[in-house]
Each structure stands twice: as C-alpha cells, then as structure tokens.
Amino acid sequence: MTHPATVPEPGIWLIDPANSSVTFAVGHMLVSRITGRFNRFDGHVTVGRDLSATGVTATLAAGSIDTNHPERDLHLRGGKFLDAGTYPQITYRSSTVRGSGTDYVIGGDLTVKATALPVELRLTYGGVTDDPLGHRRAGFLGRARFSRAAFGVAETMGLMRAGGPVVGDTVHVFLNIEAILEDSHV
C-alpha cells in the first residue's frame, strides 16, 4: 500500500544503496556538464513524531567517484580535487527540517576535505510501500547545489578562450533514495 501524501512512519529508515543513487553534474567548457556518481555511500533518514526529531545523515566514499572516464576519476580522487587518500569520506548531517506533505527543505552541514559548510537539501517524499519480502520501503528524491571552491576543491583546469573556467564551480547533486525501515517485516 502506498501513501504518497503523508510522511513515513517514525523510525530509522536505512538507505538501500542497491536501489539508490547519488549523482552530480558540474559545468564543463562553458557549454555542457560533466556528470558522475558516487558508487559507495550509506546513511539513514530518522523520522520523528515531529520535524524537530527528524533528520538525515549520509556518508559518501570520496574514492568511489565515477564519471565513466578512468583518467579523470583518478584526477578527481587526487589532491587538487577530493584528495580521497587524506579525506576518504564526504558527510552530510542535517540540523533542521521544514516543510509538509511531500516537500521538505533540509538544512545541514556538508563536510568535504575537513571543511563543513551549510548546504540546503530539497527533498521530495515519494511514498511508502511493503516490498515482496515484507520490508517497509520509502522513496525520496533530493537535490542540492554548492560551490566546490568553498570546500577547497578549487581546481579549474585553466580558462577557456572565452574567459570562463574549463570546470565550473557550482556542483549540482541529485539523490534518488530508497530506504528500508530498520527491523521492518510485516
């Protein structure tokens, strides 16, 4: 049974990485975007009896960045970008939740390369259902954007003849999250 217009029942909803994705896009050469994903991540959504007890925690493995271009991926994992050897995790921890129905705005801190800055996450709740094995599942779509330079990920790869950077500063993040209610089995 799906309930798209209400929040999921209170509890801890564990992100199911096999049925979820964390993707991103960043401007490239002033005319397009490079897209990619993080292949390893985990986290949970805690749904409280009210919004003050509701929150999101997530961790991405920086070294799992994947743009479908191995040479570029090695560069992105290196010191001029994510420095995954020194800073293996990217984290997000919410501090506020506001909204109602299916649309929410999550305030929280994104930490990249030991720099924590506020980033707002816009989240749309997609509903709840019971899977064939009897587990409760909830769906969420999210998006955020931030300046990578603010986190010390400032390499631009030079300037184009038109004067803009080869790699843009604004990172757009897209979340497709399916979460399982902890210890659920109906």
N, C-alpha and C. Protein backbone atom coordinates (compact mmCIF):
# COMPACT_ATOMS: atom_id res chain seq x y z
N MET A 1 0.85 -1.18 0.00
CA MET A 1 0.00 0.00 0.00
C MET A 1 0.89 1.24 0.00
N THR A 2 0.65 2.18 -0.89
CA THR A 2 1.46 3.38 -1.00
C THR A 2 0.72 4.56 -0.39
N HIS A 3 1.46 5.40 0.30
CA HIS A 3 0.89 6.58 0.95
C HIS A 3 1.67 7.81 0.51
N PRO A 4 1.46 8.34 -0.71
CA PRO A 4 2.31 9.41 -1.22
C PRO A 4 2.12 10.76 -0.56
N ALA A 5 1.01 11.01 0.13
CA ALA A 5 0.76 12.35 0.65
C ALA A 5 1.09 12.50 2.12
N THR A 6 1.65 11.47 2.75
CA THR A 6 1.99 11.55 4.17
C THR A 6 3.45 11.20 4.36
N VAL A 7 4.00 11.59 5.48
CA VAL A 7 5.38 11.22 5.78
C VAL A 7 5.43 9.76 6.21
N PRO A 8 6.59 9.13 6.08
CA PRO A 8 6.68 7.74 6.55
C PRO A 8 6.52 7.68 8.06
N GLU A 9 6.17 6.50 8.54
CA GLU A 9 6.01 6.37 9.99
C GLU A 9 7.34 6.59 10.69
N PRO A 10 7.29 7.03 11.95
CA PRO A 10 8.52 7.27 12.70
C PRO A 10 9.40 6.03 12.77
N GLY A 11 10.69 6.28 12.74
CA GLY A 11 11.68 5.21 12.82
C GLY A 11 12.92 5.59 12.06
N ILE A 12 13.85 4.66 12.00
CA ILE A 12 15.09 4.86 11.27
C ILE A 12 14.97 4.13 9.94
N TRP A 13 15.11 4.90 8.87
CA TRP A 13 14.99 4.39 7.51
C TRP A 13 16.39 4.33 6.91
N LEU A 14 16.90 3.12 6.70
CA LEU A 14 18.27 2.91 6.22
C LEU A 14 18.32 3.02 4.69
N ILE A 15 19.24 3.82 4.18
CA ILE A 15 19.39 3.96 2.74
C ILE A 15 19.81 2.62 2.15
N ASP A 16 19.11 2.19 1.11
CA ASP A 16 19.42 0.95 0.41
C ASP A 16 20.28 1.31 -0.80
N PRO A 17 21.62 1.15 -0.71
CA PRO A 17 22.49 1.58 -1.80
C PRO A 17 22.25 0.83 -3.11
N ALA A 18 21.72 -0.39 -3.05
CA ALA A 18 21.47 -1.15 -4.27
C ALA A 18 20.33 -0.56 -5.09
N ASN A 19 19.47 0.22 -4.45
CA ASN A 19 18.32 0.80 -5.13
C ASN A 19 18.29 2.32 -5.01
N SER A 20 19.44 2.91 -4.79
CA SER A 20 19.55 4.36 -4.63
C SER A 20 20.72 4.87 -5.46
N SER A 21 20.76 6.18 -5.68
CA SER A 21 21.90 6.76 -6.39
C SER A 21 22.18 8.16 -5.89
N VAL A 22 23.46 8.51 -5.93
CA VAL A 22 23.93 9.86 -5.64
C VAL A 22 24.71 10.30 -6.87
N THR A 23 24.14 11.22 -7.63
CA THR A 23 24.77 11.68 -8.85
C THR A 23 25.03 13.18 -8.77
N PHE A 24 25.87 13.68 -9.67
CA PHE A 24 26.21 15.10 -9.67
C PHE A 24 26.46 15.56 -11.09
N ALA A 25 26.45 16.87 -11.25
CA ALA A 25 26.78 17.49 -12.53
C ALA A 25 27.51 18.79 -12.23
N VAL A 26 28.49 19.11 -13.09
CA VAL A 26 29.25 20.36 -12.95
C VAL A 26 29.54 20.87 -14.36
N GLY A 27 29.50 22.19 -14.52
CA GLY A 27 29.74 22.79 -15.82
C GLY A 27 31.09 22.39 -16.40
N HIS A 28 31.13 22.25 -17.74
CA HIS A 28 32.35 21.84 -18.41
C HIS A 28 32.50 22.63 -19.71
N MET A 29 33.59 23.34 -19.83
CA MET A 29 33.96 24.09 -21.04
C MET A 29 32.89 25.08 -21.48
N LEU A 30 32.15 25.59 -20.52
CA LEU A 30 31.15 26.64 -20.73
C LEU A 30 29.94 26.22 -21.57
N VAL A 31 29.92 24.99 -22.07
CA VAL A 31 28.83 24.61 -22.98
C VAL A 31 28.07 23.35 -22.56
N SER A 32 28.56 22.63 -21.57
CA SER A 32 27.90 21.38 -21.19
C SER A 32 28.17 21.08 -19.72
N ARG A 33 27.81 19.90 -19.31
CA ARG A 33 28.06 19.45 -17.95
C ARG A 33 28.72 18.07 -17.97
N ILE A 34 29.62 17.87 -17.04
CA ILE A 34 30.16 16.54 -16.76
C ILE A 34 29.27 15.96 -15.67
N THR A 35 28.87 14.72 -15.82
CA THR A 35 28.05 14.06 -14.81
C THR A 35 28.83 12.89 -14.22
N GLY A 36 28.43 12.50 -13.03
CA GLY A 36 29.08 11.38 -12.38
C GLY A 36 28.24 10.89 -11.22
N ARG A 37 28.80 9.94 -10.51
CA ARG A 37 28.11 9.35 -9.37
C ARG A 37 29.12 8.92 -8.33
N PHE A 38 28.61 8.65 -7.14
CA PHE A 38 29.41 8.02 -6.10
C PHE A 38 28.88 6.59 -5.98
N ASN A 39 29.76 5.62 -6.11
CA ASN A 39 29.34 4.22 -6.11
C ASN A 39 29.21 3.61 -4.73
N ARG A 40 29.79 4.24 -3.71
CA ARG A 40 29.68 3.72 -2.34
C ARG A 40 29.20 4.83 -1.41
N PHE A 41 28.09 4.55 -0.74
CA PHE A 41 27.52 5.51 0.20
C PHE A 41 26.59 4.77 1.15
N ASP A 42 26.33 5.39 2.27
CA ASP A 42 25.33 4.85 3.19
C ASP A 42 24.76 5.99 4.01
N GLY A 43 23.76 5.69 4.78
CA GLY A 43 23.15 6.71 5.61
C GLY A 43 21.76 6.30 6.03
N HIS A 44 21.10 7.24 6.67
CA HIS A 44 19.74 6.96 7.12
C HIS A 44 18.94 8.25 7.27
N VAL A 45 17.63 8.06 7.23
CA VAL A 45 16.68 9.14 7.49
C VAL A 45 15.98 8.76 8.79
N THR A 46 16.06 9.61 9.77
CA THR A 46 15.35 9.40 11.03
C THR A 46 14.06 10.21 10.96
N VAL A 47 12.94 9.53 11.03
CA VAL A 47 11.64 10.20 11.02
C VAL A 47 11.13 10.21 12.46
N GLY A 48 10.97 11.41 13.00
CA GLY A 48 10.45 11.55 14.36
C GLY A 48 8.96 11.80 14.36
N ARG A 49 8.42 11.94 15.53
CA ARG A 49 6.99 12.23 15.65
C ARG A 49 6.67 13.63 15.17
N ASP A 50 7.70 14.49 15.12
CA ASP A 50 7.54 15.83 14.53
C ASP A 50 8.85 16.19 13.83
N LEU A 51 8.84 17.30 13.10
CA LEU A 51 10.02 17.67 12.31
C LEU A 51 11.26 17.94 13.14
N SER A 52 11.08 18.39 14.38
CA SER A 52 12.25 18.68 15.22
C SER A 52 13.05 17.42 15.55
N ALA A 53 12.41 16.25 15.44
CA ALA A 53 13.08 14.98 15.73
C ALA A 53 13.38 14.20 14.45
N THR A 54 13.37 14.89 13.31
CA THR A 54 13.59 14.26 12.01
C THR A 54 14.91 14.74 11.44
N GLY A 55 15.64 13.86 10.77
CA GLY A 55 16.92 14.28 10.21
C GLY A 55 17.50 13.28 9.24
N VAL A 56 18.60 13.68 8.62
CA VAL A 56 19.29 12.88 7.61
C VAL A 56 20.77 12.84 7.94
N THR A 57 21.37 11.68 7.82
CA THR A 57 22.82 11.51 7.94
C THR A 57 23.27 10.63 6.78
N ALA A 58 24.33 11.07 6.08
CA ALA A 58 24.83 10.28 4.95
C ALA A 58 26.34 10.40 4.85
N THR A 59 26.96 9.35 4.34
CA THR A 59 28.40 9.32 4.11
C THR A 59 28.65 8.78 2.71
N LEU A 60 29.50 9.48 1.97
CA LEU A 60 29.93 9.05 0.64
C LEU A 60 31.40 8.68 0.71
N ALA A 61 31.79 7.63 0.02
CA ALA A 61 33.21 7.29 -0.10
C ALA A 61 33.79 8.15 -1.22
N ALA A 62 34.66 9.09 -0.88
CA ALA A 62 35.22 10.02 -1.87
C ALA A 62 35.92 9.27 -3.00
N GLY A 63 36.57 8.17 -2.69
CA GLY A 63 37.29 7.41 -3.69
C GLY A 63 36.39 6.63 -4.64
N SER A 64 35.08 6.65 -4.40
CA SER A 64 34.16 5.92 -5.28
C SER A 64 33.58 6.81 -6.37
N ILE A 65 34.10 8.04 -6.51
CA ILE A 65 33.61 8.94 -7.55
C ILE A 65 33.82 8.29 -8.92
N ASP A 66 32.82 8.40 -9.78
CA ASP A 66 32.85 7.71 -11.07
C ASP A 66 32.19 8.58 -12.13
N THR A 67 32.98 9.05 -13.09
CA THR A 67 32.45 9.85 -14.19
C THR A 67 32.50 9.07 -15.51
N ASN A 68 32.76 7.78 -15.40
CA ASN A 68 32.87 6.91 -16.58
C ASN A 68 34.07 7.29 -17.45
N HIS A 69 35.09 7.85 -16.81
CA HIS A 69 36.33 8.23 -17.50
C HIS A 69 37.46 7.98 -16.51
N PRO A 70 38.11 6.81 -16.55
CA PRO A 70 39.09 6.42 -15.52
C PRO A 70 40.19 7.45 -15.26
N GLU A 71 40.73 8.06 -16.29
CA GLU A 71 41.80 9.04 -16.09
C GLU A 71 41.29 10.26 -15.31
N ARG A 72 40.12 10.75 -15.69
CA ARG A 72 39.53 11.88 -14.97
C ARG A 72 39.21 11.49 -13.54
N ASP A 73 38.70 10.27 -13.32
CA ASP A 73 38.36 9.82 -11.97
C ASP A 73 39.58 9.80 -11.07
N LEU A 74 40.72 9.35 -11.59
CA LEU A 74 41.96 9.37 -10.80
C LEU A 74 42.32 10.81 -10.42
N HIS A 75 42.17 11.72 -11.36
CA HIS A 75 42.46 13.13 -11.09
C HIS A 75 41.51 13.69 -10.03
N LEU A 76 40.21 13.35 -10.13
CA LEU A 76 39.23 13.83 -9.15
C LEU A 76 39.49 13.28 -7.75
N ARG A 77 40.04 12.08 -7.66
CA ARG A 77 40.36 11.48 -6.36
C ARG A 77 41.64 12.07 -5.76
N GLY A 78 42.41 12.74 -6.58
CA GLY A 78 43.71 13.27 -6.16
C GLY A 78 43.63 14.57 -5.38
N GLY A 79 44.80 15.09 -5.03
CA GLY A 79 44.94 16.24 -4.14
C GLY A 79 44.35 17.55 -4.63
N LYS A 80 44.29 17.77 -5.94
CA LYS A 80 43.74 19.02 -6.44
C LYS A 80 42.22 19.06 -6.39
N PHE A 81 41.60 17.90 -6.21
CA PHE A 81 40.15 17.86 -6.12
C PHE A 81 39.73 17.29 -4.76
N LEU A 82 39.32 16.03 -4.67
CA LEU A 82 38.79 15.48 -3.42
C LEU A 82 39.84 15.01 -2.43
N ASP A 83 41.04 14.73 -2.88
CA ASP A 83 42.10 14.22 -2.01
C ASP A 83 41.59 13.05 -1.16
N ALA A 84 41.04 12.05 -1.85
CA ALA A 84 40.39 10.92 -1.20
C ALA A 84 41.33 10.12 -0.31
N GLY A 85 42.63 10.13 -0.57
CA GLY A 85 43.56 9.42 0.29
C GLY A 85 43.65 10.04 1.67
N THR A 86 43.58 11.35 1.75
CA THR A 86 43.63 12.06 3.02
C THR A 86 42.26 12.22 3.65
N TYR A 87 41.25 12.44 2.81
CA TYR A 87 39.87 12.68 3.27
C TYR A 87 38.95 11.66 2.61
N PRO A 88 38.90 10.45 3.13
CA PRO A 88 38.17 9.37 2.45
C PRO A 88 36.65 9.50 2.48
N GLN A 89 36.11 10.35 3.35
CA GLN A 89 34.65 10.44 3.46
C GLN A 89 34.15 11.86 3.22
N ILE A 90 33.01 11.94 2.59
CA ILE A 90 32.23 13.16 2.46
C ILE A 90 30.97 12.90 3.27
N THR A 91 30.60 13.82 4.16
CA THR A 91 29.45 13.56 5.02
C THR A 91 28.42 14.69 4.94
N TYR A 92 27.20 14.34 5.23
CA TYR A 92 26.12 15.31 5.37
C TYR A 92 25.34 14.98 6.63
N ARG A 93 25.14 15.99 7.46
CA ARG A 93 24.38 15.82 8.70
C ARG A 93 23.39 16.98 8.80
N SER A 94 22.13 16.63 8.86
CA SER A 94 21.10 17.68 8.92
C SER A 94 21.01 18.29 10.31
N SER A 95 20.51 19.51 10.34
CA SER A 95 20.29 20.20 11.61
C SER A 95 18.86 20.74 11.70
N THR A 96 18.21 20.98 10.57
CA THR A 96 16.84 21.47 10.56
C THR A 96 16.05 20.81 9.44
N VAL A 97 14.76 20.68 9.65
CA VAL A 97 13.84 20.17 8.63
C VAL A 97 12.60 21.05 8.68
N ARG A 98 12.19 21.51 7.50
CA ARG A 98 10.93 22.26 7.43
C ARG A 98 10.18 21.83 6.17
N GLY A 99 8.89 21.98 6.21
CA GLY A 99 8.07 21.60 5.07
C GLY A 99 6.88 20.80 5.53
N SER A 100 6.12 20.28 4.56
CA SER A 100 4.96 19.46 4.88
C SER A 100 4.55 18.69 3.64
N GLY A 101 3.63 17.73 3.84
CA GLY A 101 3.15 16.94 2.72
C GLY A 101 4.27 16.12 2.12
N THR A 102 4.67 16.45 0.88
CA THR A 102 5.72 15.69 0.22
C THR A 102 6.99 16.49 -0.02
N ASP A 103 6.98 17.79 0.30
CA ASP A 103 8.14 18.64 0.00
C ASP A 103 8.77 19.20 1.27
N TYR A 104 10.09 18.99 1.38
CA TYR A 104 10.83 19.39 2.57
C TYR A 104 12.13 20.09 2.19
N VAL A 105 12.59 20.95 3.08
CA VAL A 105 13.89 21.58 2.95
C VAL A 105 14.70 21.18 4.18
N ILE A 106 15.83 20.54 3.93
CA ILE A 106 16.70 20.05 4.99
C ILE A 106 17.90 20.98 5.07
N GLY A 107 18.14 21.55 6.23
CA GLY A 107 19.34 22.34 6.46
C GLY A 107 20.36 21.46 7.15
N GLY A 108 21.61 21.60 6.77
CA GLY A 108 22.63 20.78 7.41
C GLY A 108 24.01 21.15 6.94
N ASP A 109 24.99 20.43 7.45
CA ASP A 109 26.39 20.66 7.09
C ASP A 109 26.91 19.57 6.19
N LEU A 110 27.49 19.98 5.07
CA LEU A 110 28.22 19.10 4.18
C LEU A 110 29.69 19.25 4.54
N THR A 111 30.38 18.13 4.72
CA THR A 111 31.81 18.17 5.03
C THR A 111 32.58 17.51 3.90
N VAL A 112 33.44 18.31 3.26
CA VAL A 112 34.31 17.86 2.19
C VAL A 112 35.72 18.33 2.54
N LYS A 113 36.69 17.43 2.53
CA LYS A 113 38.08 17.78 2.84
C LYS A 113 38.20 18.52 4.17
N ALA A 114 37.50 18.04 5.18
CA ALA A 114 37.52 18.57 6.55
C ALA A 114 36.92 19.96 6.67
N THR A 115 36.27 20.45 5.63
CA THR A 115 35.58 21.74 5.68
C THR A 115 34.09 21.47 5.74
N ALA A 116 33.44 21.93 6.82
CA ALA A 116 32.00 21.77 6.99
C ALA A 116 31.31 23.10 6.73
N LEU A 117 30.37 23.10 5.80
CA LEU A 117 29.61 24.31 5.46
C LEU A 117 28.14 23.96 5.31
N PRO A 118 27.26 24.93 5.59
CA PRO A 118 25.84 24.66 5.43
C PRO A 118 25.46 24.48 3.96
N VAL A 119 24.68 23.44 3.71
CA VAL A 119 24.13 23.18 2.38
C VAL A 119 22.67 22.76 2.57
N GLU A 120 21.81 23.37 1.79
CA GLU A 120 20.39 23.08 1.87
C GLU A 120 20.04 21.97 0.88
N LEU A 121 19.29 21.01 1.35
CA LEU A 121 18.86 19.87 0.56
C LEU A 121 17.35 19.96 0.39
N ARG A 122 16.88 19.97 -0.84
CA ARG A 122 15.44 19.95 -1.12
C ARG A 122 15.05 18.50 -1.37
N LEU A 123 14.07 18.03 -0.59
CA LEU A 123 13.70 16.63 -0.60
C LEU A 123 12.22 16.48 -0.91
N THR A 124 11.90 15.57 -1.82
CA THR A 124 10.51 15.23 -2.12
C THR A 124 10.28 13.79 -1.69
N TYR A 125 9.27 13.60 -0.88
CA TYR A 125 8.92 12.28 -0.37
C TYR A 125 8.01 11.61 -1.40
N GLY A 126 8.34 10.37 -1.78
CA GLY A 126 7.60 9.67 -2.82
C GLY A 126 6.58 8.66 -2.34
N GLY A 127 6.59 8.33 -1.07
CA GLY A 127 5.62 7.38 -0.56
C GLY A 127 6.28 6.19 0.12
N VAL A 128 5.43 5.30 0.63
CA VAL A 128 5.85 4.10 1.35
C VAL A 128 5.15 2.91 0.75
N THR A 129 5.84 1.78 0.73
CA THR A 129 5.24 0.53 0.28
C THR A 129 5.89 -0.62 1.01
N ASP A 130 5.24 -1.78 0.97
CA ASP A 130 5.83 -3.01 1.51
C ASP A 130 6.37 -3.80 0.34
N ASP A 131 7.65 -4.22 0.41
CA ASP A 131 8.24 -5.00 -0.69
C ASP A 131 7.78 -6.46 -0.59
N PRO A 132 8.09 -7.28 -1.59
CA PRO A 132 7.64 -8.68 -1.57
C PRO A 132 8.12 -9.49 -0.37
N LEU A 133 9.21 -9.03 0.27
CA LEU A 133 9.71 -9.73 1.46
C LEU A 133 9.12 -9.18 2.75
N GLY A 134 8.25 -8.18 2.63
CA GLY A 134 7.58 -7.64 3.80
C GLY A 134 8.28 -6.47 4.47
N HIS A 135 9.33 -5.94 3.86
CA HIS A 135 10.02 -4.79 4.44
C HIS A 135 9.34 -3.50 4.01
N ARG A 136 9.28 -2.53 4.90
CA ARG A 136 8.73 -1.21 4.59
C ARG A 136 9.78 -0.41 3.84
N ARG A 137 9.41 0.18 2.72
CA ARG A 137 10.32 0.98 1.90
C ARG A 137 9.71 2.35 1.67
N ALA A 138 10.56 3.36 1.73
CA ALA A 138 10.15 4.74 1.45
C ALA A 138 11.05 5.29 0.36
N GLY A 139 10.49 6.18 -0.45
CA GLY A 139 11.27 6.78 -1.53
C GLY A 139 11.40 8.28 -1.35
N PHE A 140 12.57 8.80 -1.72
CA PHE A 140 12.85 10.23 -1.62
C PHE A 140 13.67 10.66 -2.84
N LEU A 141 13.36 11.82 -3.36
CA LEU A 141 14.18 12.45 -4.38
C LEU A 141 14.73 13.73 -3.79
N GLY A 142 16.00 13.99 -3.99
CA GLY A 142 16.60 15.19 -3.42
C GLY A 142 17.51 15.90 -4.39
N ARG A 143 17.73 17.16 -4.11
CA ARG A 143 18.68 17.94 -4.91
C ARG A 143 19.30 19.01 -4.03
N ALA A 144 20.52 19.33 -4.37
CA ALA A 144 21.26 20.38 -3.66
C ALA A 144 22.26 20.97 -4.64
N ARG A 145 22.79 22.12 -4.28
CA ARG A 145 23.88 22.70 -5.07
C ARG A 145 24.77 23.49 -4.13
N PHE A 146 26.05 23.56 -4.52
CA PHE A 146 27.01 24.27 -3.68
C PHE A 146 28.22 24.63 -4.52
N SER A 147 29.03 25.52 -3.97
CA SER A 147 30.30 25.93 -4.60
C SER A 147 31.39 24.96 -4.16
N ARG A 148 32.04 24.33 -5.12
CA ARG A 148 33.11 23.40 -4.74
C ARG A 148 34.33 24.17 -4.23
N ALA A 149 34.54 25.39 -4.72
CA ALA A 149 35.68 26.19 -4.25
C ALA A 149 35.56 26.49 -2.76
N ALA A 150 34.34 26.64 -2.26
CA ALA A 150 34.14 26.91 -0.83
C ALA A 150 34.68 25.77 0.03
N PHE A 151 34.77 24.58 -0.53
CA PHE A 151 35.28 23.41 0.19
C PHE A 151 36.74 23.11 -0.12
N GLY A 152 37.41 24.01 -0.82
CA GLY A 152 38.81 23.79 -1.16
C GLY A 152 39.00 22.87 -2.35
N VAL A 153 37.95 22.66 -3.12
CA VAL A 153 38.02 21.86 -4.34
C VAL A 153 37.97 22.87 -5.49
N ALA A 154 39.06 23.62 -5.65
CA ALA A 154 39.04 24.82 -6.47
C ALA A 154 39.75 24.69 -7.81
N GLU A 155 40.31 23.56 -8.14
CA GLU A 155 40.99 23.40 -9.42
C GLU A 155 40.01 23.67 -10.56
N THR A 156 40.38 24.56 -11.48
CA THR A 156 39.51 24.90 -12.61
C THR A 156 39.97 24.28 -13.91
N MET A 157 41.17 23.73 -13.93
CA MET A 157 41.77 23.14 -15.12
C MET A 157 42.05 24.20 -16.19
N GLY A 158 42.18 25.44 -15.78
CA GLY A 158 42.51 26.51 -16.71
C GLY A 158 41.29 27.28 -17.17
N LEU A 159 41.54 28.21 -18.10
CA LEU A 159 40.47 29.05 -18.63
C LEU A 159 40.25 28.78 -20.11
N MET A 160 39.02 28.90 -20.51
CA MET A 160 38.65 28.79 -21.92
C MET A 160 39.02 30.10 -22.63
N ARG A 161 39.13 30.08 -23.93
CA ARG A 161 39.42 31.30 -24.68
C ARG A 161 38.37 32.38 -24.42
N ALA A 162 37.14 31.94 -24.18
CA ALA A 162 36.06 32.88 -23.90
C ALA A 162 36.18 33.49 -22.50
N GLY A 163 37.11 32.99 -21.69
CA GLY A 163 37.37 33.58 -20.39
C GLY A 163 36.86 32.83 -19.20
N GLY A 164 35.97 31.85 -19.36
CA GLY A 164 35.44 31.11 -18.23
C GLY A 164 36.28 29.87 -17.93
N PRO A 165 36.06 29.26 -16.78
CA PRO A 165 36.84 28.08 -16.39
C PRO A 165 36.45 26.84 -17.20
N VAL A 166 37.41 25.94 -17.38
CA VAL A 166 37.14 24.66 -18.03
C VAL A 166 36.14 23.87 -17.21
N VAL A 167 36.31 23.87 -15.88
CA VAL A 167 35.40 23.18 -14.97
C VAL A 167 34.70 24.23 -14.11
N GLY A 168 33.38 24.21 -14.11
CA GLY A 168 32.60 25.18 -13.35
C GLY A 168 32.72 24.99 -11.85
N ASP A 169 32.24 25.98 -11.12
CA ASP A 169 32.32 25.95 -9.66
C ASP A 169 31.09 25.33 -9.00
N THR A 170 29.92 25.52 -9.57
CA THR A 170 28.69 25.04 -8.95
C THR A 170 28.49 23.56 -9.21
N VAL A 171 28.35 22.80 -8.13
CA VAL A 171 28.08 21.37 -8.21
C VAL A 171 26.59 21.17 -7.93
N HIS A 172 25.93 20.47 -8.82
CA HIS A 172 24.51 20.11 -8.65
C HIS A 172 24.47 18.64 -8.25
N VAL A 173 23.80 18.33 -7.14
CA VAL A 173 23.72 16.96 -6.64
C VAL A 173 22.27 16.50 -6.74
N PHE A 174 22.10 15.24 -7.15
CA PHE A 174 20.77 14.65 -7.31
C PHE A 174 20.73 13.33 -6.55
N LEU A 175 19.73 13.18 -5.71
CA LEU A 175 19.58 11.98 -4.90
C LEU A 175 18.32 11.22 -5.31
N ASN A 176 18.45 9.94 -5.49
CA ASN A 176 17.32 9.04 -5.69
C ASN A 176 17.47 7.99 -4.59
N ILE A 177 16.70 8.13 -3.54
CA ILE A 177 16.91 7.32 -2.34
C ILE A 177 15.73 6.41 -2.08
N GLU A 178 16.04 5.14 -1.90
CA GLU A 178 15.07 4.17 -1.41
C GLU A 178 15.58 3.70 -0.06
N ALA A 179 14.75 3.81 0.95
CA ALA A 179 15.18 3.49 2.31
C ALA A 179 14.27 2.42 2.91
N ILE A 180 14.86 1.59 3.75
CA ILE A 180 14.13 0.49 4.38
C ILE A 180 14.01 0.79 5.87
N LEU A 181 12.79 0.66 6.38
CA LEU A 181 12.57 0.86 7.80
C LEU A 181 13.33 -0.20 8.58
N GLU A 182 14.20 0.25 9.48
CA GLU A 182 15.03 -0.66 10.26
C GLU A 182 14.15 -1.67 11.00
N ASP A 183 14.54 -2.93 10.94
CA ASP A 183 13.84 -4.03 11.61
C ASP A 183 12.40 -4.20 11.14
N SER A 184 12.10 -3.75 9.92
CA SER A 184 10.72 -3.91 9.45
C SER A 184 10.52 -5.27 8.83
N HIS A 185 9.41 -5.83 9.09
CA HIS A 185 8.96 -7.06 8.45
C HIS A 185 7.50 -7.23 8.83
N VAL A 186 6.64 -7.09 7.84
CA VAL A 186 5.21 -7.18 8.12
C VAL A 186 4.69 -8.58 7.91
